[in-house]
């Protein structure tokens, strides 16, 4: 009785070789038994959600390289921008907590912050309501 041979291509970089069909079928059935392993660990405890920290800004005058404001919130940063004539007159940075560095805002981000100029809420001391 003749043996049936097949080309086994499941080698590790050494090229394919000829093996008897029975041996290839045994190898595949053994691999299928070991291929599906399901491990389940205990569920991760839920993390308490921290509210995001308020952004901290640094504003530097382009012409004089003078720091106009550092470590201020968005409202104070907008008040500093009120005194400037153009969005490109200052470099605006935001504090990145993960890297521990000041990150320069993109021009689009600077324009967005610049767009809030002139929209000041009436202060409580002036008799306005919030």
N, C-alpha and C. Protein backbone atom coordinates (compact mmCIF):
# COMPACT_ATOMS: atom_id res chain seq x y z
N UNK A 1 0.83 -1.16 0.00
CA UNK A 1 0.00 0.00 0.00
C UNK A 1 0.89 1.24 0.00
N UNK A 2 0.55 2.17 -0.85
CA UNK A 2 1.36 3.38 -1.02
C UNK A 2 1.02 4.41 0.06
N UNK A 3 2.07 5.14 0.50
CA UNK A 3 1.87 6.21 1.47
C UNK A 3 1.57 7.50 0.73
N UNK A 4 0.73 8.32 1.36
CA UNK A 4 0.45 9.64 0.79
C UNK A 4 1.33 10.66 1.50
N UNK A 5 2.05 11.42 0.70
CA UNK A 5 2.96 12.43 1.23
C UNK A 5 2.42 13.81 0.89
N UNK A 6 2.69 14.77 1.77
CA UNK A 6 2.29 16.16 1.50
C UNK A 6 3.48 17.08 1.75
N UNK A 7 3.38 18.28 1.22
CA UNK A 7 4.42 19.28 1.40
C UNK A 7 4.09 20.07 2.67
N UNK A 8 4.92 19.94 3.71
CA UNK A 8 4.72 20.64 4.98
C UNK A 8 5.41 22.00 4.89
N UNK A 9 4.61 23.06 4.94
CA UNK A 9 5.17 24.41 4.82
C UNK A 9 5.20 25.14 6.15
N UNK A 10 4.88 24.46 7.23
CA UNK A 10 4.84 25.10 8.55
C UNK A 10 6.17 24.97 9.27
N UNK A 11 7.23 25.27 8.58
CA UNK A 11 8.55 25.21 9.19
C UNK A 11 8.97 26.61 9.58
N UNK A 12 10.01 26.71 10.37
CA UNK A 12 10.45 28.00 10.88
C UNK A 12 11.62 28.54 10.06
N UNK A 13 11.35 28.92 8.86
CA UNK A 13 12.36 29.57 8.04
C UNK A 13 13.33 28.64 7.33
N UNK A 14 13.18 27.33 7.51
CA UNK A 14 14.12 26.41 6.87
C UNK A 14 13.61 25.89 5.54
N UNK A 15 12.42 26.27 5.17
CA UNK A 15 11.85 25.80 3.92
C UNK A 15 10.89 24.65 4.15
N UNK A 16 10.15 24.30 3.13
CA UNK A 16 9.16 23.23 3.24
C UNK A 16 9.83 21.88 3.01
N UNK A 17 9.19 20.85 3.54
CA UNK A 17 9.70 19.50 3.32
C UNK A 17 8.53 18.52 3.22
N UNK A 18 8.82 17.33 2.69
CA UNK A 18 7.80 16.32 2.48
C UNK A 18 7.64 15.48 3.74
N UNK A 19 6.37 15.25 4.18
CA UNK A 19 6.07 14.40 5.34
C UNK A 19 4.89 13.52 4.99
N UNK A 20 4.77 12.37 5.67
CA UNK A 20 3.60 11.52 5.43
C UNK A 20 2.33 12.23 5.90
N UNK A 21 1.23 11.99 5.21
CA UNK A 21 -0.03 12.65 5.52
C UNK A 21 -0.47 12.38 6.94
N UNK A 22 -0.30 11.14 7.43
CA UNK A 22 -0.74 10.81 8.78
C UNK A 22 0.00 11.65 9.83
N UNK A 23 1.29 11.84 9.64
CA UNK A 23 2.08 12.62 10.59
C UNK A 23 1.64 14.09 10.59
N UNK A 24 1.34 14.65 9.44
CA UNK A 24 0.90 16.04 9.34
C UNK A 24 -0.46 16.22 10.01
N UNK A 25 -1.36 15.23 9.85
CA UNK A 25 -2.68 15.32 10.48
C UNK A 25 -2.58 15.23 12.00
N UNK A 26 -1.69 14.38 12.52
CA UNK A 26 -1.49 14.26 13.96
C UNK A 26 -0.95 15.58 14.54
N UNK A 27 -0.02 16.18 13.83
CA UNK A 27 0.58 17.43 14.28
C UNK A 27 -0.47 18.54 14.33
N UNK A 28 -1.32 18.61 13.33
CA UNK A 28 -2.36 19.65 13.28
C UNK A 28 -3.40 19.46 14.37
N UNK A 29 -3.79 18.21 14.65
CA UNK A 29 -4.79 17.97 15.69
C UNK A 29 -4.22 18.32 17.06
N UNK A 30 -2.95 18.05 17.30
CA UNK A 30 -2.31 18.40 18.57
C UNK A 30 -2.22 19.91 18.72
N UNK A 31 -1.93 20.62 17.63
CA UNK A 31 -1.85 22.08 17.67
C UNK A 31 -3.21 22.69 17.94
N UNK A 32 -4.28 22.10 17.39
CA UNK A 32 -5.62 22.64 17.61
C UNK A 32 -6.04 22.48 19.06
N UNK A 33 -5.63 21.39 19.71
CA UNK A 33 -5.97 21.20 21.12
C UNK A 33 -5.32 22.27 21.99
N UNK A 34 -4.12 22.67 21.64
CA UNK A 34 -3.39 23.65 22.44
C UNK A 34 -3.63 25.08 21.99
N UNK A 35 -4.23 25.27 20.86
CA UNK A 35 -4.36 26.61 20.31
C UNK A 35 -5.37 27.46 21.06
N UNK A 36 -6.42 26.87 21.62
CA UNK A 36 -7.46 27.66 22.27
C UNK A 36 -7.30 27.54 23.78
N UNK A 37 -6.72 28.56 24.37
CA UNK A 37 -6.55 28.61 25.81
C UNK A 37 -7.17 29.91 26.28
N UNK A 38 -8.09 29.82 27.21
CA UNK A 38 -8.76 31.01 27.72
C UNK A 38 -8.37 31.22 29.18
N UNK A 39 -7.75 32.33 29.44
CA UNK A 39 -7.37 32.67 30.80
C UNK A 39 -8.19 33.87 31.25
N UNK A 40 -8.77 33.74 32.40
CA UNK A 40 -9.55 34.85 32.93
C UNK A 40 -9.03 35.19 34.31
N UNK A 41 -8.73 36.44 34.50
CA UNK A 41 -8.29 36.90 35.79
C UNK A 41 -9.42 37.64 36.47
N UNK A 42 -9.19 38.06 37.69
CA UNK A 42 -10.23 38.83 38.37
C UNK A 42 -10.43 40.17 37.66
N UNK A 43 -11.63 40.69 37.70
CA UNK A 43 -11.86 41.98 37.02
C UNK A 43 -11.07 43.08 37.71
N UNK A 44 -10.61 44.01 36.92
CA UNK A 44 -9.84 45.13 37.46
C UNK A 44 -10.75 46.02 38.30
N UNK A 45 -10.26 46.48 39.43
CA UNK A 45 -11.09 47.37 40.24
C UNK A 45 -11.29 48.69 39.50
N UNK A 46 -12.46 49.28 39.62
CA UNK A 46 -12.69 50.55 38.91
C UNK A 46 -11.82 51.65 39.50
N UNK A 47 -11.26 52.43 38.61
CA UNK A 47 -10.42 53.55 39.02
C UNK A 47 -11.29 54.74 39.37
N UNK A 48 -10.99 55.39 40.47
CA UNK A 48 -11.76 56.61 40.76
C UNK A 48 -11.38 57.68 39.74
N UNK A 49 -12.38 58.29 39.17
CA UNK A 49 -12.12 59.29 38.14
C UNK A 49 -11.74 60.61 38.79
N UNK A 50 -10.60 61.13 38.34
CA UNK A 50 -10.18 62.43 38.82
C UNK A 50 -10.68 63.48 37.85
N UNK A 51 -11.16 64.58 38.37
CA UNK A 51 -11.54 65.64 37.43
C UNK A 51 -10.25 66.18 36.78
N UNK A 52 -10.32 66.55 35.52
CA UNK A 52 -9.12 67.05 34.86
C UNK A 52 -8.64 68.33 35.54
N UNK A 53 -7.34 68.44 35.66
CA UNK A 53 -6.77 69.64 36.27
C UNK A 53 -6.97 70.83 35.34
N UNK A 54 -7.17 72.01 35.90
CA UNK A 54 -7.32 73.18 35.03
C UNK A 54 -6.02 73.45 34.28
N UNK A 55 -6.15 73.97 33.08
CA UNK A 55 -4.99 74.26 32.26
C UNK A 55 -4.23 75.45 32.83
N UNK A 56 -2.93 75.41 32.66
CA UNK A 56 -2.07 76.48 33.12
C UNK A 56 -1.33 77.03 31.91
N UNK A 57 -1.38 78.35 31.72
CA UNK A 57 -0.82 78.96 30.51
C UNK A 57 0.40 79.83 30.83
N UNK A 58 1.23 79.97 29.83
CA UNK A 58 2.39 80.87 29.87
C UNK A 58 2.36 81.67 28.59
N UNK A 59 2.48 82.99 28.71
CA UNK A 59 2.41 83.86 27.54
C UNK A 59 3.70 84.66 27.48
N UNK A 60 4.37 84.63 26.32
CA UNK A 60 5.64 85.31 26.12
C UNK A 60 5.49 86.27 24.95
N UNK A 61 5.91 87.53 25.16
CA UNK A 61 5.90 88.54 24.10
C UNK A 61 6.95 88.17 23.07
N UNK A 62 6.59 88.16 21.79
CA UNK A 62 7.50 87.75 20.72
C UNK A 62 8.61 88.78 20.53
N UNK A 63 8.27 90.05 20.56
CA UNK A 63 9.26 91.09 20.26
C UNK A 63 10.30 91.25 21.36
N UNK A 64 9.88 91.23 22.61
CA UNK A 64 10.82 91.48 23.71
C UNK A 64 11.26 90.20 24.42
N UNK A 65 10.64 89.08 24.14
CA UNK A 65 10.88 87.80 24.82
C UNK A 65 10.59 87.89 26.30
N UNK A 66 9.78 88.86 26.68
CA UNK A 66 9.40 89.04 28.07
C UNK A 66 8.21 88.12 28.38
N UNK A 67 8.26 87.46 29.54
CA UNK A 67 7.16 86.62 29.97
C UNK A 67 6.06 87.53 30.49
N UNK A 68 4.92 87.52 29.82
CA UNK A 68 3.79 88.37 30.22
C UNK A 68 2.97 87.73 31.33
N UNK A 69 2.88 86.41 31.31
CA UNK A 69 2.15 85.69 32.35
C UNK A 69 2.66 84.26 32.37
N UNK A 70 2.69 83.68 33.57
CA UNK A 70 3.12 82.29 33.68
C UNK A 70 2.32 81.61 34.79
N UNK A 71 1.82 80.41 34.49
CA UNK A 71 1.07 79.65 35.47
C UNK A 71 -0.32 80.21 35.72
N UNK A 72 -0.89 80.89 34.74
CA UNK A 72 -2.21 81.49 34.91
C UNK A 72 -3.27 80.60 34.28
N UNK A 73 -4.51 80.75 34.74
CA UNK A 73 -5.60 79.98 34.17
C UNK A 73 -6.06 80.62 32.86
N UNK A 74 -7.04 80.02 32.23
CA UNK A 74 -7.49 80.49 30.92
C UNK A 74 -8.06 81.90 30.99
N UNK A 75 -8.82 82.19 32.03
CA UNK A 75 -9.42 83.52 32.16
C UNK A 75 -8.35 84.60 32.25
N UNK A 76 -7.32 84.37 33.08
CA UNK A 76 -6.24 85.34 33.22
C UNK A 76 -5.43 85.44 31.92
N UNK A 77 -5.26 84.32 31.23
CA UNK A 77 -4.52 84.34 29.96
C UNK A 77 -5.25 85.19 28.93
N UNK A 78 -6.56 85.08 28.90
CA UNK A 78 -7.35 85.89 27.96
C UNK A 78 -7.25 87.37 28.32
N UNK A 79 -7.22 87.67 29.61
CA UNK A 79 -7.06 89.08 30.03
C UNK A 79 -5.72 89.63 29.57
N UNK A 80 -4.66 88.82 29.61
CA UNK A 80 -3.35 89.26 29.12
C UNK A 80 -3.41 89.48 27.61
N UNK A 81 -4.10 88.61 26.91
CA UNK A 81 -4.21 88.75 25.45
C UNK A 81 -5.00 89.98 25.05
N UNK A 82 -5.85 90.49 25.94
CA UNK A 82 -6.62 91.71 25.65
C UNK A 82 -5.69 92.87 25.31
N UNK A 83 -4.51 92.90 25.93
CA UNK A 83 -3.59 94.02 25.71
C UNK A 83 -2.75 93.90 24.46
N UNK A 84 -2.88 92.84 23.70
CA UNK A 84 -2.09 92.64 22.50
C UNK A 84 -2.90 92.99 21.25
N UNK A 85 -2.19 93.37 20.20
CA UNK A 85 -2.91 93.78 18.98
C UNK A 85 -3.09 92.65 17.98
N UNK A 86 -2.29 91.58 18.08
CA UNK A 86 -2.39 90.49 17.12
C UNK A 86 -2.08 89.16 17.80
N UNK A 87 -2.64 88.10 17.27
CA UNK A 87 -2.42 86.77 17.83
C UNK A 87 -0.97 86.33 17.69
N UNK A 88 -0.26 86.86 16.69
CA UNK A 88 1.13 86.47 16.48
C UNK A 88 2.10 87.32 17.29
N UNK A 89 1.60 88.23 18.12
CA UNK A 89 2.47 89.04 18.97
C UNK A 89 2.95 88.28 20.19
N UNK A 90 2.39 87.12 20.45
CA UNK A 90 2.77 86.36 21.64
C UNK A 90 2.85 84.88 21.32
N UNK A 91 3.68 84.21 22.08
CA UNK A 91 3.73 82.75 22.04
C UNK A 91 2.97 82.28 23.27
N UNK A 92 2.03 81.38 23.06
CA UNK A 92 1.20 80.90 24.15
C UNK A 92 1.54 79.43 24.38
N UNK A 93 1.87 79.11 25.62
CA UNK A 93 2.23 77.75 26.01
C UNK A 93 1.20 77.23 27.01
N UNK A 94 1.07 75.92 27.06
CA UNK A 94 0.22 75.27 28.05
C UNK A 94 1.08 74.24 28.77
N UNK A 95 0.85 74.09 30.08
CA UNK A 95 1.63 73.13 30.86
C UNK A 95 1.12 71.72 30.61
N UNK A 96 2.02 70.84 30.18
CA UNK A 96 1.67 69.44 29.93
C UNK A 96 2.11 68.64 31.16
N UNK A 97 1.14 68.15 31.93
CA UNK A 97 1.46 67.45 33.18
C UNK A 97 2.22 66.16 32.93
N UNK A 98 1.88 65.43 31.88
CA UNK A 98 2.53 64.14 31.63
C UNK A 98 4.02 64.28 31.33
N UNK A 99 4.38 65.28 30.55
CA UNK A 99 5.79 65.47 30.20
C UNK A 99 6.50 66.42 31.15
N UNK A 100 5.76 67.20 31.90
CA UNK A 100 6.37 68.15 32.82
C UNK A 100 7.05 69.31 32.11
N UNK A 101 6.48 69.72 30.98
CA UNK A 101 7.07 70.79 30.17
C UNK A 101 5.98 71.72 29.65
N UNK A 102 6.41 72.91 29.24
CA UNK A 102 5.49 73.82 28.56
C UNK A 102 5.41 73.41 27.11
N UNK A 103 4.19 73.29 26.59
CA UNK A 103 3.99 72.94 25.18
C UNK A 103 3.45 74.15 24.45
N UNK A 104 4.12 74.53 23.36
CA UNK A 104 3.68 75.65 22.55
C UNK A 104 2.39 75.28 21.84
N UNK A 105 1.39 76.14 21.97
CA UNK A 105 0.13 75.89 21.28
C UNK A 105 0.32 76.07 19.79
N UNK A 106 -0.42 75.30 19.01
CA UNK A 106 -0.39 75.49 17.57
C UNK A 106 -1.06 76.82 17.25
N UNK A 107 -0.84 77.32 16.06
CA UNK A 107 -1.45 78.59 15.67
C UNK A 107 -2.97 78.49 15.74
N UNK A 108 -3.52 77.36 15.36
CA UNK A 108 -4.97 77.17 15.42
C UNK A 108 -5.46 77.23 16.87
N UNK A 109 -4.72 76.60 17.78
CA UNK A 109 -5.10 76.65 19.20
C UNK A 109 -4.97 78.06 19.75
N UNK A 110 -3.92 78.78 19.32
CA UNK A 110 -3.75 80.16 19.76
C UNK A 110 -4.90 81.04 19.25
N UNK A 111 -5.31 80.82 18.01
CA UNK A 111 -6.43 81.59 17.46
C UNK A 111 -7.73 81.29 18.20
N UNK A 112 -7.91 80.05 18.62
CA UNK A 112 -9.11 79.69 19.38
C UNK A 112 -9.13 80.44 20.70
N UNK A 113 -8.00 80.46 21.40
CA UNK A 113 -7.91 81.20 22.66
C UNK A 113 -8.07 82.70 22.41
N UNK A 114 -7.50 83.18 21.33
CA UNK A 114 -7.59 84.59 20.96
C UNK A 114 -9.05 84.99 20.69
N UNK A 115 -9.82 84.06 20.18
CA UNK A 115 -11.22 84.34 19.85
C UNK A 115 -12.08 84.63 21.08
N UNK A 116 -11.62 84.30 22.27
CA UNK A 116 -12.37 84.57 23.49
C UNK A 116 -12.15 86.00 24.01
N UNK A 117 -11.27 86.74 23.38
CA UNK A 117 -11.06 88.12 23.81
C UNK A 117 -12.34 88.93 23.62
N UNK A 118 -12.60 89.84 24.53
CA UNK A 118 -13.77 90.71 24.41
C UNK A 118 -15.06 90.07 24.86
N UNK A 119 -15.03 88.88 25.38
CA UNK A 119 -16.24 88.19 25.84
C UNK A 119 -16.25 88.09 27.36
N UNK A 120 -15.75 89.07 28.03
CA UNK A 120 -15.65 89.03 29.48
C UNK A 120 -17.04 89.06 30.11
N UNK A 121 -17.19 88.22 31.13
CA UNK A 121 -18.45 88.22 31.88
C UNK A 121 -18.42 89.41 32.83
N UNK A 122 -19.58 90.01 33.07
CA UNK A 122 -19.58 91.10 34.04
C UNK A 122 -19.22 90.56 35.42
N UNK A 123 -18.35 91.27 36.11
CA UNK A 123 -17.90 90.78 37.42
C UNK A 123 -18.98 90.97 38.46
N UNK A 124 -18.91 90.20 39.53
CA UNK A 124 -19.89 90.25 40.59
C UNK A 124 -19.78 91.58 41.33
N UNK A 125 -18.53 92.10 41.46
CA UNK A 125 -18.32 93.37 42.16
C UNK A 125 -18.97 94.53 41.41
N UNK A 126 -19.09 94.42 40.10
CA UNK A 126 -19.68 95.49 39.31
C UNK A 126 -21.20 95.40 39.30
N UNK A 127 -21.78 94.44 40.02
CA UNK A 127 -23.23 94.34 40.09
C UNK A 127 -23.83 93.40 39.09
N UNK A 128 -23.00 92.74 38.28
CA UNK A 128 -23.53 91.80 37.30
C UNK A 128 -23.80 90.46 37.93
N UNK A 129 -24.65 89.66 37.30
CA UNK A 129 -24.95 88.32 37.81
C UNK A 129 -24.24 87.31 36.97
N UNK A 130 -23.90 86.21 37.58
CA UNK A 130 -23.23 85.13 36.84
C UNK A 130 -24.19 84.07 36.47
